Amino acid sequence: MDKWTLIKKRSISEKSFSHQEEGKYAFVVDKRATKPEIKKAVESLLDVDVESVNTINVKGKRKVFKGIKGRKTSFKKAIVTLKEGESLKEL
């Protein structure tokens, strides 16, 4: 899998900002991505050393829009822990 399509975007939330002090960053990744692939992609794209990768499959929420029931799309989120002393520059 190509490293450019593997990592889709950075996940920005209040919780993800609070974890940045600990060296943890959240990314939305391709559903088929594995932990070793995510680690290689982050290391090569962002030029940092990755300590560990945790993944979460987030199920889409149910929504009702103008009386029509639907569901938001599901996605996979990766929490990347960087080695001590490493940090990401502003993206």
PDB file of N, CA and C in Angstrom:
ATOM      1  N   MET A   1       0.846  -1.176   0.000  1.00  0.00           N
ATOM      2  CA  MET A   1       0.000   0.000   0.000  1.00  0.00           C
ATOM      3  C   MET A   1       0.895   1.244   0.000  1.00  0.00           C
ATOM      4  N   ASP A   2       0.513   2.251  -0.777  1.00  0.00           N
ATOM      5  CA  ASP A   2       1.298   3.469  -0.924  1.00  0.00           C
ATOM      6  C   ASP A   2       1.207   4.321   0.338  1.00  0.00           C
ATOM      7  N   LYS A   3       2.347   4.848   0.788  1.00  0.00           N
ATOM      8  CA  LYS A   3       2.360   5.629   2.027  1.00  0.00           C
ATOM      9  C   LYS A   3       1.576   6.932   1.907  1.00  0.00           C
ATOM     10  N   TRP A   4       1.396   7.425   0.693  1.00  0.00           N
ATOM     11  CA  TRP A   4       0.654   8.678   0.483  1.00  0.00           C
ATOM     12  C   TRP A   4      -0.846   8.469   0.621  1.00  0.00           C
ATOM     13  N   THR A   5      -1.343   7.284   0.323  1.00  0.00           N
ATOM     14  CA  THR A   5      -2.774   7.006   0.469  1.00  0.00           C
ATOM     15  C   THR A   5      -3.092   6.304   1.787  1.00  0.00           C
ATOM     16  N   LEU A   6      -2.063   5.828   2.471  1.00  0.00           N
ATOM     17  CA  LEU A   6      -2.246   5.119   3.733  1.00  0.00           C
ATOM     18  C   LEU A   6      -2.751   6.061   4.819  1.00  0.00           C
ATOM     19  N   ILE A   7      -2.104   7.211   4.980  1.00  0.00           N
ATOM     20  CA  ILE A   7      -2.506   8.194   5.981  1.00  0.00           C
ATOM     21  C   ILE A   7      -3.364   9.237   5.288  1.00  0.00           C
ATOM     22  N   LYS A   8      -4.636   9.316   5.687  1.00  0.00           N
ATOM     23  CA  LYS A   8      -5.577  10.216   5.026  1.00  0.00           C
ATOM     24  C   LYS A   8      -5.499  11.635   5.564  1.00  0.00           C
ATOM     25  N   LYS A   9      -5.571  11.768   6.901  1.00  0.00           N
ATOM     26  CA  LYS A   9      -5.496  13.094   7.507  1.00  0.00           C
ATOM     27  C   LYS A   9      -5.202  12.964   8.982  1.00  0.00           C
ATOM     28  N   ARG A  10      -4.909  14.086   9.597  1.00  0.00           N
ATOM     29  CA  ARG A  10      -4.667  14.119  11.029  1.00  0.00           C
ATOM     30  C   ARG A  10      -5.998  14.293  11.733  1.00  0.00           C
ATOM     31  N   SER A  11      -6.235  13.514  12.765  1.00  0.00           N
ATOM     32  CA  SER A  11      -7.470  13.595  13.527  1.00  0.00           C
ATOM     33  C   SER A  11      -7.320  14.701  14.566  1.00  0.00           C
ATOM     34  N   ILE A  12      -8.186  15.698  14.483  1.00  0.00           N
ATOM     35  CA  ILE A  12      -8.099  16.845  15.375  1.00  0.00           C
ATOM     36  C   ILE A  12      -9.327  16.864  16.269  1.00  0.00           C
ATOM     37  N   SER A  13      -9.087  16.719  17.576  1.00  0.00           N
ATOM     38  CA  SER A  13     -10.156  16.778  18.568  1.00  0.00           C
ATOM     39  C   SER A  13      -9.554  17.280  19.877  1.00  0.00           C
ATOM     40  N   GLU A  14     -10.401  17.570  20.815  1.00  0.00           N
ATOM     41  CA  GLU A  14      -9.923  18.049  22.109  1.00  0.00           C
ATOM     42  C   GLU A  14      -9.064  16.987  22.800  1.00  0.00           C
ATOM     43  N   LYS A  15      -9.480  15.749  22.700  1.00  0.00           N
ATOM     44  CA  LYS A  15      -8.740  14.653  23.327  1.00  0.00           C
ATOM     45  C   LYS A  15      -7.380  14.447  22.665  1.00  0.00           C
ATOM     46  N   SER A  16      -7.325  14.541  21.324  1.00  0.00           N
ATOM     47  CA  SER A  16      -6.050  14.340  20.636  1.00  0.00           C
ATOM     48  C   SER A  16      -5.063  15.462  20.963  1.00  0.00           C
ATOM     49  N   PHE A  17      -5.553  16.679  21.176  1.00  0.00           N
ATOM     50  CA  PHE A  17      -4.672  17.778  21.557  1.00  0.00           C
ATOM     51  C   PHE A  17      -4.107  17.578  22.963  1.00  0.00           C
ATOM     52  N   SER A  18      -4.890  17.008  23.856  1.00  0.00           N
ATOM     53  CA  SER A  18      -4.400  16.786  25.218  1.00  0.00           C
ATOM     54  C   SER A  18      -3.315  15.700  25.255  1.00  0.00           C
ATOM     55  N   HIS A  19      -3.336  14.773  24.305  1.00  0.00           N
ATOM     56  CA  HIS A  19      -2.340  13.704  24.266  1.00  0.00           C
ATOM     57  C   HIS A  19      -1.038  14.128  23.593  1.00  0.00           C
ATOM     58  N   GLN A  20      -1.019  15.279  22.932  1.00  0.00           N
ATOM     59  CA  GLN A  20       0.196  15.725  22.257  1.00  0.00           C
ATOM     60  C   GLN A  20       1.334  15.973  23.244  1.00  0.00           C
ATOM     61  N   GLU A  21       1.010  16.379  24.465  1.00  0.00           N
ATOM     62  CA  GLU A  21       2.036  16.608  25.477  1.00  0.00           C
ATOM     63  C   GLU A  21       2.763  15.313  25.824  1.00  0.00           C
ATOM     64  N   GLU A  22       2.079  14.194  25.676  1.00  0.00           N
ATOM     65  CA  GLU A  22       2.665  12.884  25.955  1.00  0.00           C
ATOM     66  C   GLU A  22       3.372  12.307  24.730  1.00  0.00           C
ATOM     67  N   GLY A  23       3.335  13.006  23.606  1.00  0.00           N
ATOM     68  CA  GLY A  23       3.969  12.515  22.385  1.00  0.00           C
ATOM     69  C   GLY A  23       3.087  11.588  21.580  1.00  0.00           C
ATOM     70  N   LYS A  24       1.756  11.679  21.762  1.00  0.00           N
ATOM     71  CA  LYS A  24       0.812  10.830  21.032  1.00  0.00           C
ATOM     72  C   LYS A  24       0.039  11.685  20.036  1.00  0.00           C
ATOM     73  N   TYR A  25      -0.063  11.197  18.812  1.00  0.00           N
ATOM     74  CA  TYR A  25      -0.754  11.912  17.743  1.00  0.00           C
ATOM     75  C   TYR A  25      -1.735  10.969  17.064  1.00  0.00           C
ATOM     76  N   ALA A  26      -2.890  11.499  16.650  1.00  0.00           N
ATOM     77  CA  ALA A  26      -3.945  10.682  16.049  1.00  0.00           C
ATOM     78  C   ALA A  26      -4.049  10.983  14.553  1.00  0.00           C
ATOM     79  N   PHE A  27      -4.215   9.930  13.758  1.00  0.00           N
ATOM     80  CA  PHE A  27      -4.363  10.036  12.314  1.00  0.00           C
ATOM     81  C   PHE A  27      -5.519   9.168  11.859  1.00  0.00           C
ATOM     82  N   VAL A  28      -6.235   9.610  10.830  1.00  0.00           N
ATOM     83  CA  VAL A  28      -7.229   8.776  10.162  1.00  0.00           C
ATOM     84  C   VAL A  28      -6.480   8.058   9.048  1.00  0.00           C
ATOM     85  N   VAL A  29      -6.568   6.731   9.042  1.00  0.00           N
ATOM     86  CA  VAL A  29      -5.810   5.927   8.082  1.00  0.00           C
ATOM     87  C   VAL A  29      -6.760   5.041   7.278  1.00  0.00           C
ATOM     88  N   ASP A  30      -6.217   4.413   6.248  1.00  0.00           N
ATOM     89  CA  ASP A  30      -6.979   3.486   5.421  1.00  0.00           C
ATOM     90  C   ASP A  30      -7.432   2.296   6.267  1.00  0.00           C
ATOM     91  N   LYS A  31      -8.629   1.793   5.997  1.00  0.00           N
ATOM     92  CA  LYS A  31      -9.191   0.687   6.787  1.00  0.00           C
ATOM     93  C   LYS A  31      -8.362  -0.591   6.699  1.00  0.00           C
ATOM     94  N   ARG A  32      -7.651  -0.776   5.602  1.00  0.00           N
ATOM     95  CA  ARG A  32      -6.868  -1.997   5.409  1.00  0.00           C
ATOM     96  C   ARG A  32      -5.448  -1.888   5.927  1.00  0.00           C
ATOM     97  N   ALA A  33      -5.064  -0.747   6.495  1.00  0.00           N
ATOM     98  CA  ALA A  33      -3.697  -0.520   6.952  1.00  0.00           C
ATOM     99  C   ALA A  33      -3.378  -1.347   8.190  1.00  0.00           C
ATOM    100  N   THR A  34      -2.154  -1.850   8.246  1.00  0.00           N
ATOM    101  CA  THR A  34      -1.687  -2.587   9.409  1.00  0.00           C
ATOM    102  C   THR A  34      -0.762  -1.696  10.235  1.00  0.00           C
ATOM    103  N   LYS A  35      -0.503  -2.111  11.466  1.00  0.00           N
ATOM    104  CA  LYS A  35       0.343  -1.309  12.354  1.00  0.00           C
ATOM    105  C   LYS A  35       1.762  -1.106  11.802  1.00  0.00           C
ATOM    106  N   PRO A  36       2.424  -2.144  11.276  1.00  0.00           N
ATOM    107  CA  PRO A  36       3.767  -1.924  10.715  1.00  0.00           C
ATOM    108  C   PRO A  36       3.753  -0.978   9.508  1.00  0.00           C
ATOM    109  N   GLU A  37       2.718  -1.057   8.672  1.00  0.00           N
ATOM    110  CA  GLU A  37       2.617  -0.152   7.524  1.00  0.00           C
ATOM    111  C   GLU A  37       2.425   1.290   7.980  1.00  0.00           C
ATOM    112  N   ILE A  38       1.610   1.494   9.004  1.00  0.00           N
ATOM    113  CA  ILE A  38       1.376   2.841   9.533  1.00  0.00           C
ATOM    114  C   ILE A  38       2.670   3.398  10.116  1.00  0.00           C
ATOM    115  N   LYS A  39       3.394   2.572  10.840  1.00  0.00           N
ATOM    116  CA  LYS A  39       4.653   3.010  11.448  1.00  0.00           C
ATOM    117  C   LYS A  39       5.655   3.452  10.377  1.00  0.00           C
ATOM    118  N   LYS A  40       5.820   2.641   9.329  1.00  0.00           N
ATOM    119  CA  LYS A  40       6.752   2.989   8.254  1.00  0.00           C
ATOM    120  C   LYS A  40       6.333   4.270   7.542  1.00  0.00           C
ATOM    121  N   ALA A  41       5.031   4.424   7.299  1.00  0.00           N
ATOM    122  CA  ALA A  41       4.532   5.595   6.591  1.00  0.00           C
ATOM    123  C   ALA A  41       4.755   6.876   7.393  1.00  0.00           C
ATOM    124  N   VAL A  42       4.468   6.839   8.688  1.00  0.00           N
ATOM    125  CA  VAL A  42       4.654   8.028   9.531  1.00  0.00           C
ATOM    126  C   VAL A  42       6.133   8.374   9.642  1.00  0.00           C
ATOM    127  N   GLU A  43       6.980   7.367   9.817  1.00  0.00           N
ATOM    128  CA  GLU A  43       8.415   7.624   9.928  1.00  0.00           C
ATOM    129  C   GLU A  43       8.984   8.231   8.653  1.00  0.00           C
ATOM    130  N   SER A  44       8.555   7.743   7.496  1.00  0.00           N
ATOM    131  CA  SER A  44       9.106   8.255   6.245  1.00  0.00           C
ATOM    132  C   SER A  44       8.505   9.605   5.841  1.00  0.00           C
ATOM    133  N   LEU A  45       7.211   9.799   6.077  1.00  0.00           N
ATOM    134  CA  LEU A  45       6.577  11.054   5.670  1.00  0.00           C
ATOM    135  C   LEU A  45       6.915  12.220   6.599  1.00  0.00           C
ATOM    136  N   LEU A  46       6.951  11.963   7.904  1.00  0.00           N
ATOM    137  CA  LEU A  46       7.111  13.047   8.873  1.00  0.00           C
ATOM    138  C   LEU A  46       8.503  13.113   9.488  1.00  0.00           C
ATOM    139  N   ASP A  47       9.387  12.182   9.126  1.00  0.00           N
ATOM    140  CA  ASP A  47      10.783  12.171   9.572  1.00  0.00           C
ATOM    141  C   ASP A  47      10.889  12.175  11.102  1.00  0.00           C
ATOM    142  N   VAL A  48      10.209  11.228  11.740  1.00  0.00           N
ATOM    143  CA  VAL A  48      10.243  11.063  13.193  1.00  0.00           C
ATOM    144  C   VAL A  48      10.444   9.583  13.516  1.00  0.00           C
ATOM    145  N   ASP A  49      10.798   9.287  14.768  1.00  0.00           N
ATOM    146  CA  ASP A  49      10.930   7.905  15.231  1.00  0.00           C
ATOM    147  C   ASP A  49       9.684   7.520  16.004  1.00  0.00           C
ATOM    148  N   VAL A  50       9.031   6.441  15.573  1.00  0.00           N
ATOM    149  CA  VAL A  50       7.783   5.987  16.182  1.00  0.00           C
ATOM    150  C   VAL A  50       8.082   4.872  17.172  1.00  0.00           C
ATOM    151  N   GLU A  51       7.532   5.011  18.376  1.00  0.00           N
ATOM    152  CA  GLU A  51       7.698   3.982  19.400  1.00  0.00           C
ATOM    153  C   GLU A  51       6.638   2.896  19.268  1.00  0.00           C
ATOM    154  N   SER A  52       5.355   3.306  19.151  1.00  0.00           N
ATOM    155  CA  SER A  52       4.281   2.321  19.029  1.00  0.00           C
ATOM    156  C   SER A  52       3.108   2.902  18.250  1.00  0.00           C
ATOM    157  N   VAL A  53       2.256   1.993  17.788  1.00  0.00           N
ATOM    158  CA  VAL A  53       1.051   2.362  17.051  1.00  0.00           C
ATOM    159  C   VAL A  53      -0.122   1.573  17.613  1.00  0.00           C
ATOM    160  N   ASN A  54      -1.195   2.276  17.972  1.00  0.00           N
ATOM    161  CA  ASN A  54      -2.438   1.645  18.397  1.00  0.00           C
ATOM    162  C   ASN A  54      -3.517   2.025  17.394  1.00  0.00           C
ATOM    163  N   THR A  55      -4.377   1.078  17.032  1.00  0.00           N
ATOM    164  CA  THR A  55      -5.415   1.355  16.050  1.00  0.00           C
ATOM    165  C   THR A  55      -6.793   1.139  16.652  1.00  0.00           C
ATOM    166  N   ILE A  56      -7.757   1.904  16.128  1.00  0.00           N
ATOM    167  CA  ILE A  56      -9.142   1.832  16.582  1.00  0.00           C
ATOM    168  C   ILE A  56     -10.029   1.857  15.342  1.00  0.00           C
ATOM    169  N   ASN A  57     -10.973   0.927  15.248  1.00  0.00           N
ATOM    170  CA  ASN A  57     -11.984   0.969  14.201  1.00  0.00           C
ATOM    171  C   ASN A  57     -13.191   1.711  14.755  1.00  0.00           C
ATOM    172  N   VAL A  58     -13.449   2.900  14.217  1.00  0.00           N
ATOM    173  CA  VAL A  58     -14.531   3.750  14.704  1.00  0.00           C
ATOM    174  C   VAL A  58     -15.763   3.498  13.841  1.00  0.00           C
ATOM    175  N   LYS A  59     -16.829   3.060  14.479  1.00  0.00           N
ATOM    176  CA  LYS A  59     -18.070   2.775  13.772  1.00  0.00           C
ATOM    177  C   LYS A  59     -18.827   4.076  13.538  1.00  0.00           C
ATOM    178  N   GLY A  60     -19.396   4.231  12.346  1.00  0.00           N
ATOM    179  CA  GLY A  60     -20.136   5.442  12.013  1.00  0.00           C
ATOM    180  C   GLY A  60     -21.391   5.604  12.844  1.00  0.00           C
ATOM    181  N   LYS A  61     -21.681   6.851  13.209  1.00  0.00           N
ATOM    182  CA  LYS A  61     -22.850   7.123  14.046  1.00  0.00           C
ATOM    183  C   LYS A  61     -24.127   7.135  13.207  1.00  0.00           C
ATOM    184  N   ARG A  62     -25.238   6.788  13.838  1.00  0.00           N
ATOM    185  CA  ARG A  62     -26.538   6.867  13.167  1.00  0.00           C
ATOM    186  C   ARG A  62     -27.014   8.303  13.211  1.00  0.00           C
ATOM    187  N   LYS A  63     -27.552   8.780  12.109  1.00  0.00           N
ATOM    188  CA  LYS A  63     -28.048  10.149  12.019  1.00  0.00           C
ATOM    189  C   LYS A  63     -29.391  10.159  11.307  1.00  0.00           C
ATOM    190  N   VAL A  64     -30.205  11.161  11.591  1.00  0.00           N
ATOM    191  CA  VAL A  64     -31.470  11.373  10.894  1.00  0.00           C
ATOM    192  C   VAL A  64     -31.410  12.767  10.286  1.00  0.00           C
ATOM    193  N   PHE A  65     -31.598  12.851   8.977  1.00  0.00           N
ATOM    194  CA  PHE A  65     -31.560  14.124   8.277  1.00  0.00           C
ATOM    195  C   PHE A  65     -32.849  14.295   7.486  1.00  0.00           C
ATOM    196  N   LYS A  66     -33.674  15.252   7.891  1.00  0.00           N
ATOM    197  CA  LYS A  66     -34.973  15.512   7.244  1.00  0.00           C
ATOM    198  C   LYS A  66     -35.827  14.257   7.171  1.00  0.00           C
ATOM    199  N   GLY A  67     -35.831  13.494   8.254  1.00  0.00           N
ATOM    200  CA  GLY A  67     -36.666  12.305   8.333  1.00  0.00           C
ATOM    201  C   GLY A  67     -36.074  11.068   7.692  1.00  0.00           C
ATOM    202  N   ILE A  68     -34.918  11.190   7.090  1.00  0.00           N
ATOM    203  CA  ILE A  68     -34.286  10.047   6.433  1.00  0.00           C
ATOM    204  C   ILE A  68     -33.193   9.510   7.350  1.00  0.00           C
ATOM    205  N   LYS A  69     -33.293   8.233   7.695  1.00  0.00           N
ATOM    206  CA  LYS A  69     -32.298   7.614   8.567  1.00  0.00           C
ATOM    207  C   LYS A  69     -31.069   7.243   7.750  1.00  0.00           C
ATOM    208  N   GLY A  70     -29.926   7.450   8.348  1.00  0.00           N
ATOM    209  CA  GLY A  70     -28.679   7.121   7.670  1.00  0.00           C
ATOM    210  C   GLY A  70     -27.577   6.861   8.678  1.00  0.00           C
ATOM    211  N   ARG A  71     -26.375   6.748   8.173  1.00  0.00           N
ATOM    212  CA  ARG A  71     -25.220   6.470   9.012  1.00  0.00           C
ATOM    213  C   ARG A  71     -24.011   7.188   8.425  1.00  0.00           C
ATOM    214  N   LYS A  72     -23.209   7.777   9.315  1.00  0.00           N
ATOM    215  CA  LYS A  72     -21.950   8.360   8.876  1.00  0.00           C
ATOM    216  C   LYS A  72     -20.988   7.225   8.547  1.00  0.00           C
ATOM    217  N   THR A  73     -19.978   7.498   7.758  1.00  0.00           N
ATOM    218  CA  THR A  73     -19.053   6.446   7.352  1.00  0.00           C
ATOM    219  C   THR A  73     -18.152   6.037   8.506  1.00  0.00           C
ATOM    220  N   SER A  74     -17.821   4.756   8.546  1.00  0.00           N
ATOM    221  CA  SER A  74     -16.887   4.236   9.530  1.00  0.00           C
ATOM    222  C   SER A  74     -15.466   4.504   9.061  1.00  0.00           C
ATOM    223  N   PHE A  75     -14.517   4.568  10.000  1.00  0.00           N
ATOM    224  CA  PHE A  75     -13.127   4.814   9.631  1.00  0.00           C
ATOM    225  C   PHE A  75     -12.200   4.178  10.656  1.00  0.00           C
ATOM    226  N   LYS A  76     -10.930   4.120  10.306  1.00  0.00           N
ATOM    227  CA  LYS A  76      -9.909   3.564  11.187  1.00  0.00           C
ATOM    228  C   LYS A  76      -9.016   4.704  11.664  1.00  0.00           C
ATOM    229  N   LYS A  77      -8.763   4.734  12.970  1.00  0.00           N
ATOM    230  CA  LYS A  77      -7.933   5.778  13.554  1.00  0.00           C
ATOM    231  C   LYS A  77      -6.696   5.140  14.160  1.00  0.00           C
ATOM    232  N   ALA A  78      -5.544   5.777  13.973  1.00  0.00           N
ATOM    233  CA  ALA A  78      -4.290   5.277  14.530  1.00  0.00           C
ATOM    234  C   ALA A  78      -3.743   6.295  15.520  1.00  0.00           C
ATOM    235  N   ILE A  79      -3.407   5.830  16.722  1.00  0.00           N
ATOM    236  CA  ILE A  79      -2.750   6.654  17.725  1.00  0.00           C
ATOM    237  C   ILE A  79      -1.264   6.294  17.674  1.00  0.00           C
ATOM    238  N   VAL A  80      -0.440   7.255  17.262  1.00  0.00           N
ATOM    239  CA  VAL A  80       0.988   7.029  17.085  1.00  0.00           C
ATOM    240  C   VAL A  80       1.739   7.657  18.252  1.00  0.00           C
ATOM    241  N   THR A  81       2.520   6.855  18.968  1.00  0.00           N
ATOM    242  CA  THR A  81       3.342   7.350  20.060  1.00  0.00           C
ATOM    243  C   THR A  81       4.769   7.513  19.555  1.00  0.00           C
ATOM    244  N   LEU A  82       5.295   8.726  19.687  1.00  0.00           N
ATOM    245  CA  LEU A  82       6.654   9.000  19.245  1.00  0.00           C
ATOM    246  C   LEU A  82       7.634   8.741  20.379  1.00  0.00           C
ATOM    247  N   LYS A  83       8.904   8.474  20.006  1.00  0.00           N
ATOM    248  CA  LYS A  83       9.931   8.260  21.015  1.00  0.00           C
ATOM    249  C   LYS A  83      10.175   9.556  21.774  1.00  0.00           C
ATOM    250  N   GLU A  84      10.703   9.429  22.983  1.00  0.00           N
ATOM    251  CA  GLU A  84      10.912  10.586  23.845  1.00  0.00           C
ATOM    252  C   GLU A  84      11.834  11.601  23.180  1.00  0.00           C
ATOM    253  N   GLY A  85      11.442  12.860  23.265  1.00  0.00           N
ATOM    254  CA  GLY A  85      12.219  13.930  22.649  1.00  0.00           C
ATOM    255  C   GLY A  85      11.779  14.270  21.235  1.00  0.00           C
ATOM    256  N   GLU A  86      10.926  13.436  20.646  1.00  0.00           N
ATOM    257  CA  GLU A  86      10.409  13.674  19.289  1.00  0.00           C
ATOM    258  C   GLU A  86       9.084  14.412  19.357  1.00  0.00           C
ATOM    259  N   SER A  87       8.829  15.237  18.364  1.00  0.00           N
ATOM    260  CA  SER A  87       7.532  15.900  18.251  1.00  0.00           C
ATOM    261  C   SER A  87       7.288  16.235  16.786  1.00  0.00           C
ATOM    262  N   LEU A  88       6.026  16.464  16.457  1.00  0.00           N
ATOM    263  CA  LEU A  88       5.672  16.838  15.095  1.00  0.00           C
ATOM    264  C   LEU A  88       5.674  18.355  14.981  1.00  0.00           C
ATOM    265  N   LYS A  89       6.183  18.828  13.864  1.00  0.00           N
ATOM    266  CA  LYS A  89       6.095  20.250  13.584  1.00  0.00           C
ATOM    267  C   LYS A  89       4.673  20.547  13.166  1.00  0.00           C
ATOM    268  N   GLU A  90       4.289  21.805  13.141  1.00  0.00           N
ATOM    269  CA  GLU A  90       2.935  22.177  12.713  1.00  0.00           C
ATOM    270  C   GLU A  90       2.653  21.635  11.330  1.00  0.00           C
ATOM    271  N   LEU A  91       1.538  20.965  11.185  1.00  0.00           N
ATOM    272  CA  LEU A  91       1.137  20.377   9.898  1.00  0.00           C
ATOM    273  C   LEU A  91       0.184  21.293   9.192  1.00  0.00           C
TER     274      LEU A  91
END
